[in-house]
Amino acid sequence: MKSVSFDKAIDRRGTYCTQWDFVEDRFGEADLLPFTISDTDFAVPEAVLATLQERLKHPVFGYTRWNHPQLKEAIQTWYQTRFQTKIEEHWIMYTPTVIYGISALIQLLTNEGEGIILQTPAYDAFFKVIQENKRQVVANELLYQEKRYSIDFIDLEKKLAQPENRCLLLCSPHNPTGRVWEQWELERMVSLCQQYDVFLLSDEIHMDIVNKGHVHRPITQFDYKKSAIITSGTKTFNFPGLIFAYALIPDNELRD
């Protein structure tokens, strides 16, 4: 794959893009710089564009199956190459967006009124998806010490120990702090979830956007049955408008 230029300015106005064309619609003022949406003004990689252009040569856009070997093999290869992580083909499930997938799993894993733990500060859509499903937001506030965010494990264990809290919604890497969780931090979270029988649901959409010297570790590496990943290539390759995400669910019963 060729390198992508980050120096070329691209004007997206007039393409119905949320970031630039609907500033006034969202904020009541037009003369603002929109820093609230995490897509970028960089072109998608040429390989992605070429694949889309090839498909567009066919004039029919009928109902399409996601469940085919080519897609699943691409996901498996990516995880093996990038993260040295084996993903079983049958774990892979389609979801239109990460938030849609999180919502569906919250409904399956918890009951109305139960608590969903998340580390704060947190992505604003997490609060909305929890509250709209009539669950309770349970904040595990991150500690900020020496210009670095870290998990308050004492507080986290207290909240995991409460039987009404049935799910830990992890963001890995963390949005908005940018923390890439270290091996020991993930191991401890998994261990605590196992101890208190809490499901660990990990949003890993920023998994490829990691600075040198840091390593993203998919939560499936830790062999905890009551865990799942929701992710997408839309942040990595900047195509959120194409509406595609997927879940990795090792548990057969939950997946079915």
C-alpha atoms as a PDB file:
ATOM      1  CA  MET A   1       0.000   0.000   0.000  1.00  0.00           C
ATOM      2  CA  LYS A   2       1.339   3.432  -0.939  1.00  0.00           C
ATOM      3  CA  SER A   3       1.927   6.058   1.713  1.00  0.00           C
ATOM      4  CA  VAL A   4      -0.776   8.663   2.308  1.00  0.00           C
ATOM      5  CA  SER A   5      -0.001  12.369   2.039  1.00  0.00           C
ATOM      6  CA  PHE A   6      -0.892  14.325   5.161  1.00  0.00           C
ATOM      7  CA  ASP A   7       0.115  17.643   3.559  1.00  0.00           C
ATOM      8  CA  LYS A   8      -2.550  17.903   0.862  1.00  0.00           C
ATOM      9  CA  ALA A   9      -5.479  20.077   1.929  1.00  0.00           C
ATOM     10  CA  ILE A  10      -8.895  18.755   0.872  1.00  0.00           C
ATOM     11  CA  ASP A  11     -11.984  20.964   1.028  1.00  0.00           C
ATOM     12  CA  ARG A  12     -14.932  18.755   1.987  1.00  0.00           C
ATOM     13  CA  ARG A  13     -17.552  21.482   1.958  1.00  0.00           C
ATOM     14  CA  GLY A  14     -20.476  20.720  -0.329  1.00  0.00           C
ATOM     15  CA  THR A  15     -20.269  16.941   0.171  1.00  0.00           C
ATOM     16  CA  TYR A  16     -22.930  16.861   2.922  1.00  0.00           C
ATOM     17  CA  CYS A  17     -20.218  16.104   5.456  1.00  0.00           C
ATOM     18  CA  THR A  18     -21.307  16.516   9.050  1.00  0.00           C
ATOM     19  CA  GLN A  19     -18.026  18.084  10.111  1.00  0.00           C
ATOM     20  CA  TRP A  20     -18.063  21.107   7.782  1.00  0.00           C
ATOM     21  CA  ASP A  21     -21.494  21.438   6.156  1.00  0.00           C
ATOM     22  CA  PHE A  22     -23.584  21.219   9.324  1.00  0.00           C
ATOM     23  CA  VAL A  23     -21.685  23.289  11.877  1.00  0.00           C
ATOM     24  CA  GLU A  24     -24.523  25.784  12.331  1.00  0.00           C
ATOM     25  CA  ASP A  25     -27.073  22.978  12.412  1.00  0.00           C
ATOM     26  CA  ARG A  26     -25.245  21.384  15.345  1.00  0.00           C
ATOM     27  CA  PHE A  27     -23.998  24.396  17.294  1.00  0.00           C
ATOM     28  CA  GLY A  28     -26.202  27.334  16.293  1.00  0.00           C
ATOM     29  CA  GLU A  29     -23.247  29.238  14.829  1.00  0.00           C
ATOM     30  CA  ALA A  30     -21.523  28.825  11.477  1.00  0.00           C
ATOM     31  CA  ASP A  31     -18.189  30.505  12.230  1.00  0.00           C
ATOM     32  CA  LEU A  32     -16.687  27.697  14.296  1.00  0.00           C
ATOM     33  CA  LEU A  33     -13.944  25.145  13.830  1.00  0.00           C
ATOM     34  CA  PRO A  34     -15.470  21.672  14.322  1.00  0.00           C
ATOM     35  CA  PHE A  35     -13.256  19.624  16.618  1.00  0.00           C
ATOM     36  CA  THR A  36     -15.999  17.311  17.874  1.00  0.00           C
ATOM     37  CA  ILE A  37     -16.137  14.690  15.119  1.00  0.00           C
ATOM     38  CA  SER A  38     -13.357  12.151  14.770  1.00  0.00           C
ATOM     39  CA  ASP A  39     -13.084  11.857  11.047  1.00  0.00           C
ATOM     40  CA  THR A  40     -10.301  13.622   9.162  1.00  0.00           C
ATOM     41  CA  ASP A  41      -9.790  15.684   6.025  1.00  0.00           C
ATOM     42  CA  PHE A  42      -7.290  13.210   4.565  1.00  0.00           C
ATOM     43  CA  ALA A  43      -8.009  11.090   1.508  1.00  0.00           C
ATOM     44  CA  VAL A  44      -8.621   7.379   1.964  1.00  0.00           C
ATOM     45  CA  PRO A  45      -5.711   5.152   0.864  1.00  0.00           C
ATOM     46  CA  GLU A  46      -5.498   4.526  -2.876  1.00  0.00           C
ATOM     47  CA  ALA A  47      -6.098   0.797  -2.406  1.00  0.00           C
ATOM     48  CA  VAL A  48      -9.425   1.491  -0.689  1.00  0.00           C
ATOM     49  CA  LEU A  49     -10.456   3.952  -3.383  1.00  0.00           C
ATOM     50  CA  ALA A  50      -9.465   1.545  -6.175  1.00  0.00           C
ATOM     51  CA  THR A  51     -11.517  -1.268  -4.629  1.00  0.00           C
ATOM     52  CA  LEU A  52     -14.586   0.968  -4.384  1.00  0.00           C
ATOM     53  CA  GLN A  53     -14.137   2.189  -7.954  1.00  0.00           C
ATOM     54  CA  GLU A  54     -13.921  -1.387  -9.218  1.00  0.00           C
ATOM     55  CA  ARG A  55     -17.178  -2.275  -7.468  1.00  0.00           C
ATOM     56  CA  LEU A  56     -18.870   0.830  -8.901  1.00  0.00           C
ATOM     57  CA  LYS A  57     -18.318  -0.503 -12.413  1.00  0.00           C
ATOM     58  CA  HIS A  58     -21.185  -2.920 -11.783  1.00  0.00           C
ATOM     59  CA  PRO A  59     -24.489  -1.040 -12.207  1.00  0.00           C
ATOM     60  CA  VAL A  60     -26.568  -2.964  -9.643  1.00  0.00           C
ATOM     61  CA  PHE A  61     -26.401  -2.300  -5.906  1.00  0.00           C
ATOM     62  CA  GLY A  62     -28.739  -4.918  -4.513  1.00  0.00           C
ATOM     63  CA  TYR A  63     -28.836  -6.573  -1.112  1.00  0.00           C
ATOM     64  CA  THR A  64     -25.361  -7.797  -0.244  1.00  0.00           C
ATOM     65  CA  ARG A  65     -24.042 -10.472   2.125  1.00  0.00           C
ATOM     66  CA  TRP A  66     -21.311  -9.600   4.583  1.00  0.00           C
ATOM     67  CA  ASN A  67     -20.866 -13.207   5.714  1.00  0.00           C
ATOM     68  CA  HIS A  68     -18.318 -14.484   3.224  1.00  0.00           C
ATOM     69  CA  PRO A  69     -14.752 -15.830   3.482  1.00  0.00           C
ATOM     70  CA  GLN A  70     -13.051 -12.890   1.750  1.00  0.00           C
ATOM     71  CA  LEU A  71     -14.165 -10.392   4.403  1.00  0.00           C
ATOM     72  CA  LYS A  72     -13.449 -12.698   7.323  1.00  0.00           C
ATOM     73  CA  GLU A  73     -10.019 -13.641   5.996  1.00  0.00           C
ATOM     74  CA  ALA A  74      -9.141  -9.950   5.632  1.00  0.00           C
ATOM     75  CA  ILE A  75     -10.040  -9.324   9.288  1.00  0.00           C
ATOM     76  CA  GLN A  76      -8.141 -12.408  10.455  1.00  0.00           C
ATOM     77  CA  THR A  77      -5.062 -11.436   8.443  1.00  0.00           C
ATOM     78  CA  TRP A  78      -5.142  -7.897   9.801  1.00  0.00           C
ATOM     79  CA  TYR A  79      -5.218  -9.082  13.418  1.00  0.00           C
ATOM     80  CA  GLN A  80      -2.495 -11.657  12.851  1.00  0.00           C
ATOM     81  CA  THR A  81      -0.248  -9.164  11.043  1.00  0.00           C
ATOM     82  CA  ARG A  82      -0.836  -6.102  13.207  1.00  0.00           C
ATOM     83  CA  PHE A  83      -1.361  -7.624  16.646  1.00  0.00           C
ATOM     84  CA  GLN A  84      -0.069 -11.211  16.390  1.00  0.00           C
ATOM     85  CA  THR A  85      -3.531 -12.272  17.504  1.00  0.00           C
ATOM     86  CA  LYS A  86      -5.480 -15.235  16.183  1.00  0.00           C
ATOM     87  CA  ILE A  87      -9.133 -14.530  15.454  1.00  0.00           C
ATOM     88  CA  GLU A  88     -11.418 -17.476  14.784  1.00  0.00           C
ATOM     89  CA  GLU A  89     -13.570 -17.033  11.697  1.00  0.00           C
ATOM     90  CA  HIS A  90     -16.802 -17.829  13.535  1.00  0.00           C
ATOM     91  CA  TRP A  91     -16.204 -15.030  16.071  1.00  0.00           C
ATOM     92  CA  ILE A  92     -16.776 -12.340  13.438  1.00  0.00           C
ATOM     93  CA  MET A  93     -20.186 -10.654  13.313  1.00  0.00           C
ATOM     94  CA  TYR A  94     -21.334  -7.649  11.296  1.00  0.00           C
ATOM     95  CA  THR A  95     -22.748  -4.480  12.846  1.00  0.00           C
ATOM     96  CA  PRO A  96     -23.423  -1.235  10.963  1.00  0.00           C
ATOM     97  CA  THR A  97     -21.601   0.922  13.527  1.00  0.00           C
ATOM     98  CA  VAL A  98     -19.651   0.450  16.730  1.00  0.00           C
ATOM     99  CA  ILE A  99     -22.343   2.194  18.787  1.00  0.00           C
ATOM    100  CA  TYR A 100     -25.074   0.053  17.217  1.00  0.00           C
ATOM    101  CA  GLY A 101     -23.114  -3.058  18.200  1.00  0.00           C
ATOM    102  CA  ILE A 102     -22.550  -1.783  21.731  1.00  0.00           C
ATOM    103  CA  SER A 103     -26.266  -1.056  22.060  1.00  0.00           C
ATOM    104  CA  ALA A 104     -27.226  -4.544  20.885  1.00  0.00           C
ATOM    105  CA  LEU A 105     -24.830  -6.211  23.328  1.00  0.00           C
ATOM    106  CA  ILE A 106     -25.946  -4.020  26.234  1.00  0.00           C
ATOM    107  CA  GLN A 107     -29.500  -5.212  25.580  1.00  0.00           C
ATOM    108  CA  LEU A 108     -28.385  -8.849  25.474  1.00  0.00           C
ATOM    109  CA  LEU A 109     -26.075  -8.750  28.480  1.00  0.00           C
ATOM    110  CA  THR A 110     -27.916  -6.550  30.962  1.00  0.00           C
ATOM    111  CA  ASN A 111     -31.372  -5.649  32.185  1.00  0.00           C
ATOM    112  CA  GLU A 112     -32.991  -2.237  32.462  1.00  0.00           C
ATOM    113  CA  GLY A 113     -31.792  -0.389  35.535  1.00  0.00           C
ATOM    114  CA  GLU A 114     -28.495  -2.271  35.789  1.00  0.00           C
ATOM    115  CA  GLY A 115     -25.155  -0.505  35.695  1.00  0.00           C
ATOM    116  CA  ILE A 116     -22.607  -0.165  32.903  1.00  0.00           C
ATOM    117  CA  ILE A 117     -19.163   0.847  34.166  1.00  0.00           C
ATOM    118  CA  LEU A 118     -17.004   3.093  32.005  1.00  0.00           C
ATOM    119  CA  GLN A 119     -13.819   5.052  32.526  1.00  0.00           C
ATOM    120  CA  THR A 120     -14.346   8.811  32.484  1.00  0.00           C
ATOM    121  CA  PRO A 121     -13.728  11.177  30.802  1.00  0.00           C
ATOM    122  CA  ALA A 122     -15.438   9.158  28.088  1.00  0.00           C
ATOM    123  CA  TYR A 123     -16.695   9.352  24.529  1.00  0.00           C
ATOM    124  CA  ASP A 124     -20.017  11.213  24.731  1.00  0.00           C
ATOM    125  CA  ALA A 125     -21.923   8.588  22.716  1.00  0.00           C
ATOM    126  CA  PHE A 126     -21.254   6.041  25.491  1.00  0.00           C
ATOM    127  CA  PHE A 127     -23.434   7.998  27.903  1.00  0.00           C
ATOM    128  CA  LYS A 128     -26.204   8.297  25.338  1.00  0.00           C
ATOM    129  CA  VAL A 129     -26.263   4.616  24.363  1.00  0.00           C
ATOM    130  CA  ILE A 130     -26.346   3.529  28.018  1.00  0.00           C
ATOM    131  CA  GLN A 131     -29.073   5.964  29.018  1.00  0.00           C
ATOM    132  CA  GLU A 132     -31.229   5.345  25.947  1.00  0.00           C
ATOM    133  CA  ASN A 133     -31.196   1.640  26.822  1.00  0.00           C
ATOM    134  CA  LYS A 134     -32.429   2.555  30.330  1.00  0.00           C
ATOM    135  CA  ARG A 135     -29.238   1.386  32.011  1.00  0.00           C
ATOM    136  CA  GLN A 136     -27.232   3.314  34.586  1.00  0.00           C
ATOM    137  CA  VAL A 137     -23.909   5.021  33.829  1.00  0.00           C
ATOM    138  CA  VAL A 138     -21.399   4.031  36.522  1.00  0.00           C
ATOM    139  CA  ALA A 139     -18.295   6.217  36.242  1.00  0.00           C
ATOM    140  CA  ASN A 140     -14.849   4.879  37.088  1.00  0.00           C
ATOM    141  CA  GLU A 141     -13.024   8.193  36.917  1.00  0.00           C
ATOM    142  CA  LEU A 142      -9.482   8.013  35.583  1.00  0.00           C
ATOM    143  CA  LEU A 143      -6.685   9.405  37.727  1.00  0.00           C
ATOM    144  CA  TYR A 144      -4.577  12.223  36.267  1.00  0.00           C
ATOM    145  CA  GLN A 145      -1.097  12.242  37.719  1.00  0.00           C
ATOM    146  CA  GLU A 146       2.166  13.570  36.272  1.00  0.00           C
ATOM    147  CA  LYS A 147       0.474  14.425  32.952  1.00  0.00           C
ATOM    148  CA  ARG A 148      -0.781  10.877  32.482  1.00  0.00           C
ATOM    149  CA  TYR A 149      -4.153   9.196  32.916  1.00  0.00           C
ATOM    150  CA  SER A 150      -4.376   5.886  34.737  1.00  0.00           C
ATOM    151  CA  ILE A 151      -7.098   3.566  36.015  1.00  0.00           C
ATOM    152  CA  ASP A 152      -8.277   3.877  39.594  1.00  0.00           C
ATOM    153  CA  PHE A 153      -8.319   0.143  40.296  1.00  0.00           C
ATOM    154  CA  ILE A 154      -9.498   0.557  43.887  1.00  0.00           C
ATOM    155  CA  ASP A 155     -12.615   2.369  42.691  1.00  0.00           C
ATOM    156  CA  LEU A 156     -13.031  -0.018  39.752  1.00  0.00           C
ATOM    157  CA  GLU A 157     -13.032  -3.071  42.011  1.00  0.00           C
ATOM    158  CA  LYS A 158     -15.606  -1.496  44.323  1.00  0.00           C
ATOM    159  CA  LYS A 159     -17.921  -0.948  41.371  1.00  0.00           C
ATOM    160  CA  LEU A 160     -17.318  -4.350  39.801  1.00  0.00           C
ATOM    161  CA  ALA A 161     -18.160  -5.935  43.157  1.00  0.00           C
ATOM    162  CA  GLN A 162     -21.626  -4.376  43.145  1.00  0.00           C
ATOM    163  CA  PRO A 163     -23.979  -7.047  41.721  1.00  0.00           C
ATOM    164  CA  GLU A 164     -26.134  -4.532  39.851  1.00  0.00           C
ATOM    165  CA  ASN A 165     -23.170  -3.575  37.632  1.00  0.00           C
ATOM    166  CA  ARG A 166     -23.118  -6.220  34.912  1.00  0.00           C
ATOM    167  CA  CYS A 167     -20.810  -4.831  32.220  1.00  0.00           C
ATOM    168  CA  LEU A 168     -17.534  -2.925  31.927  1.00  0.00           C
ATOM    169  CA  LEU A 169     -17.524  -0.847  28.735  1.00  0.00           C
ATOM    170  CA  LEU A 170     -13.834  -0.407  27.979  1.00  0.00           C
ATOM    171  CA  CYS A 171     -12.417   1.959  25.369  1.00  0.00           C
ATOM    172  CA  SER A 172      -9.070   0.641  24.142  1.00  0.00           C
ATOM    173  CA  PRO A 173      -7.149   2.727  23.160  1.00  0.00           C
ATOM    174  CA  HIS A 174      -8.993   5.226  25.304  1.00  0.00           C
ATOM    175  CA  ASN A 175     -11.023   8.054  23.816  1.00  0.00           C
ATOM    176  CA  PRO A 176     -10.539  10.943  24.591  1.00  0.00           C
ATOM    177  CA  THR A 177      -7.315  10.642  26.639  1.00  0.00           C
ATOM    178  CA  GLY A 178      -5.392   8.610  24.062  1.00  0.00           C
ATOM    179  CA  ARG A 179      -4.121   6.121  26.636  1.00  0.00           C
ATOM    180  CA  VAL A 180      -2.973   2.805  25.202  1.00  0.00           C
ATOM    181  CA  TRP A 181      -3.552   0.374  28.040  1.00  0.00           C
ATOM    182  CA  GLU A 182      -0.506  -1.645  29.056  1.00  0.00           C
ATOM    183  CA  GLN A 183      -0.416  -5.420  29.399  1.00  0.00           C
ATOM    184  CA  TRP A 184      -0.677  -5.382  33.193  1.00  0.00           C
ATOM    185  CA  GLU A 185      -3.614  -2.961  33.153  1.00  0.00           C
ATOM    186  CA  LEU A 186      -5.591  -5.145  30.771  1.00  0.00           C
ATOM    187  CA  GLU A 187      -4.679  -8.287  32.706  1.00  0.00           C
ATOM    188  CA  ARG A 188      -5.894  -6.721  35.922  1.00  0.00           C
ATOM    189  CA  MET A 189      -9.179  -5.564  34.372  1.00  0.00           C
ATOM    190  CA  VAL A 190      -9.788  -9.036  32.959  1.00  0.00           C
ATOM    191  CA  SER A 191      -8.921 -10.648  36.299  1.00  0.00           C
ATOM    192  CA  LEU A 192     -11.341  -8.387  38.173  1.00  0.00           C
ATOM    193  CA  CYS A 193     -14.113  -9.006  35.647  1.00  0.00           C
ATOM    194  CA  GLN A 194     -13.577 -12.749  36.048  1.00  0.00           C
ATOM    195  CA  GLN A 195     -13.605 -12.452  39.837  1.00  0.00           C
ATOM    196  CA  TYR A 196     -16.932 -10.594  39.897  1.00  0.00           C
ATOM    197  CA  ASP A 197     -18.469 -12.259  36.831  1.00  0.00           C
ATOM    198  CA  VAL A 198     -18.798  -9.030  34.841  1.00  0.00           C
ATOM    199  CA  PHE A 199     -18.856  -8.906  31.037  1.00  0.00           C
ATOM    200  CA  LEU A 200     -16.001  -6.940  29.438  1.00  0.00           C
ATOM    201  CA  LEU A 201     -17.082  -5.135  26.259  1.00  0.00           C
ATOM    202  CA  SER A 202     -14.194  -3.404  24.500  1.00  0.00           C
ATOM    203  CA  ASP A 203     -14.543  -0.638  21.896  1.00  0.00           C
ATOM    204  CA  GLU A 204     -11.279  -0.860  19.943  1.00  0.00           C
ATOM    205  CA  ILE A 205     -12.027   1.391  16.972  1.00  0.00           C
ATOM    206  CA  HIS A 206      -8.784   3.376  17.502  1.00  0.00           C
ATOM    207  CA  MET A 207      -6.644   0.224  17.632  1.00  0.00           C
ATOM    208  CA  ASP A 208      -4.420   1.210  14.692  1.00  0.00           C
ATOM    209  CA  ILE A 209      -3.831   4.821  15.736  1.00  0.00           C
ATOM    210  CA  VAL A 210      -1.022   4.257  18.224  1.00  0.00           C
ATOM    211  CA  ASN A 211       2.251   6.134  18.612  1.00  0.00           C
ATOM    212  CA  LYS A 212       5.574   4.350  18.251  1.00  0.00           C
ATOM    213  CA  GLY A 213       6.692   2.723  21.456  1.00  0.00           C
ATOM    214  CA  HIS A 214       3.154   1.695  22.393  1.00  0.00           C
ATOM    215  CA  VAL A 215       1.379  -1.578  21.604  1.00  0.00           C
ATOM    216  CA  HIS A 216      -2.352  -2.155  21.281  1.00  0.00           C
ATOM    217  CA  ARG A 217      -3.466  -5.501  22.693  1.00  0.00           C
ATOM    218  CA  PRO A 218      -6.902  -6.800  21.646  1.00  0.00           C
ATOM    219  CA  ILE A 219      -8.928  -7.934  24.641  1.00  0.00           C
ATOM    220  CA  THR A 220      -9.421 -11.358  23.038  1.00  0.00           C
ATOM    221  CA  GLN A 221      -5.723 -12.053  23.733  1.00  0.00           C
ATOM    222  CA  PHE A 222      -6.630 -12.571  27.387  1.00  0.00           C
ATOM    223  CA  ASP A 223      -8.859 -15.611  26.875  1.00  0.00           C
ATOM    224  CA  TYR A 224     -11.811 -14.405  28.935  1.00  0.00           C
ATOM    225  CA  LYS A 225     -15.021 -15.994  27.702  1.00  0.00           C
ATOM    226  CA  LYS A 226     -17.220 -13.127  28.876  1.00  0.00           C
ATOM    227  CA  SER A 227     -15.630 -10.528  26.620  1.00  0.00           C
ATOM    228  CA  ALA A 228     -16.153  -9.104  23.143  1.00  0.00           C
ATOM    229  CA  ILE A 229     -14.617  -6.523  20.849  1.00  0.00           C
ATOM    230  CA  ILE A 230     -16.538  -3.999  18.761  1.00  0.00           C
ATOM    231  CA  THR A 231     -14.411  -2.242  16.165  1.00  0.00           C
ATOM    232  CA  SER A 232     -14.111  -0.993  12.601  1.00  0.00           C
ATOM    233  CA  GLY A 233     -11.611   0.126   9.986  1.00  0.00           C
ATOM    234  CA  THR A 234     -13.376   3.469   9.632  1.00  0.00           C
ATOM    235  CA  LYS A 235     -10.977   5.428  11.868  1.00  0.00           C
ATOM    236  CA  THR A 236      -7.875   3.757  10.451  1.00  0.00           C
ATOM    237  CA  PHE A 237      -8.765   4.403   6.813  1.00  0.00           C
ATOM    238  CA  ASN A 238     -11.145   7.366   7.238  1.00  0.00           C
ATOM    239  CA  PHE A 239     -14.343   6.015   5.686  1.00  0.00           C
ATOM    240  CA  PRO A 240     -17.037   6.308   8.407  1.00  0.00           C
ATOM    241  CA  GLY A 241     -19.580   7.304   5.765  1.00  0.00           C
ATOM    242  CA  LEU A 242     -19.503   3.753   4.376  1.00  0.00           C
ATOM    243  CA  ILE A 243     -21.161   2.430   7.579  1.00  0.00           C
ATOM    244  CA  PHE A 244     -19.345  -0.765   8.483  1.00  0.00           C
ATOM    245  CA  ALA A 245     -18.168  -2.246  11.764  1.00  0.00           C
ATOM    246  CA  TYR A 246     -17.840  -5.711  13.251  1.00  0.00           C
ATOM    247  CA  ALA A 247     -17.846  -7.573  16.526  1.00  0.00           C
ATOM    248  CA  LEU A 248     -15.499 -10.317  17.683  1.00  0.00           C
ATOM    249  CA  ILE A 249     -17.484 -12.564  20.024  1.00  0.00           C
ATOM    250  CA  PRO A 250     -15.760 -15.747  21.253  1.00  0.00           C
ATOM    251  CA  ASP A 251     -18.773 -16.921  23.286  1.00  0.00           C
ATOM    252  CA  ASN A 252     -20.908 -19.251  21.148  1.00  0.00           C
ATOM    253  CA  GLU A 253     -24.119 -18.735  23.102  1.00  0.00           C
ATOM    254  CA  LEU A 254     -23.897 -14.938  23.016  1.00  0.00           C
ATOM    255  CA  ARG A 255     -22.997 -14.917  19.331  1.00  0.00           C
ATOM    256  CA  ASP A 256     -25.961 -17.141  18.443  1.00  0.00           C
END
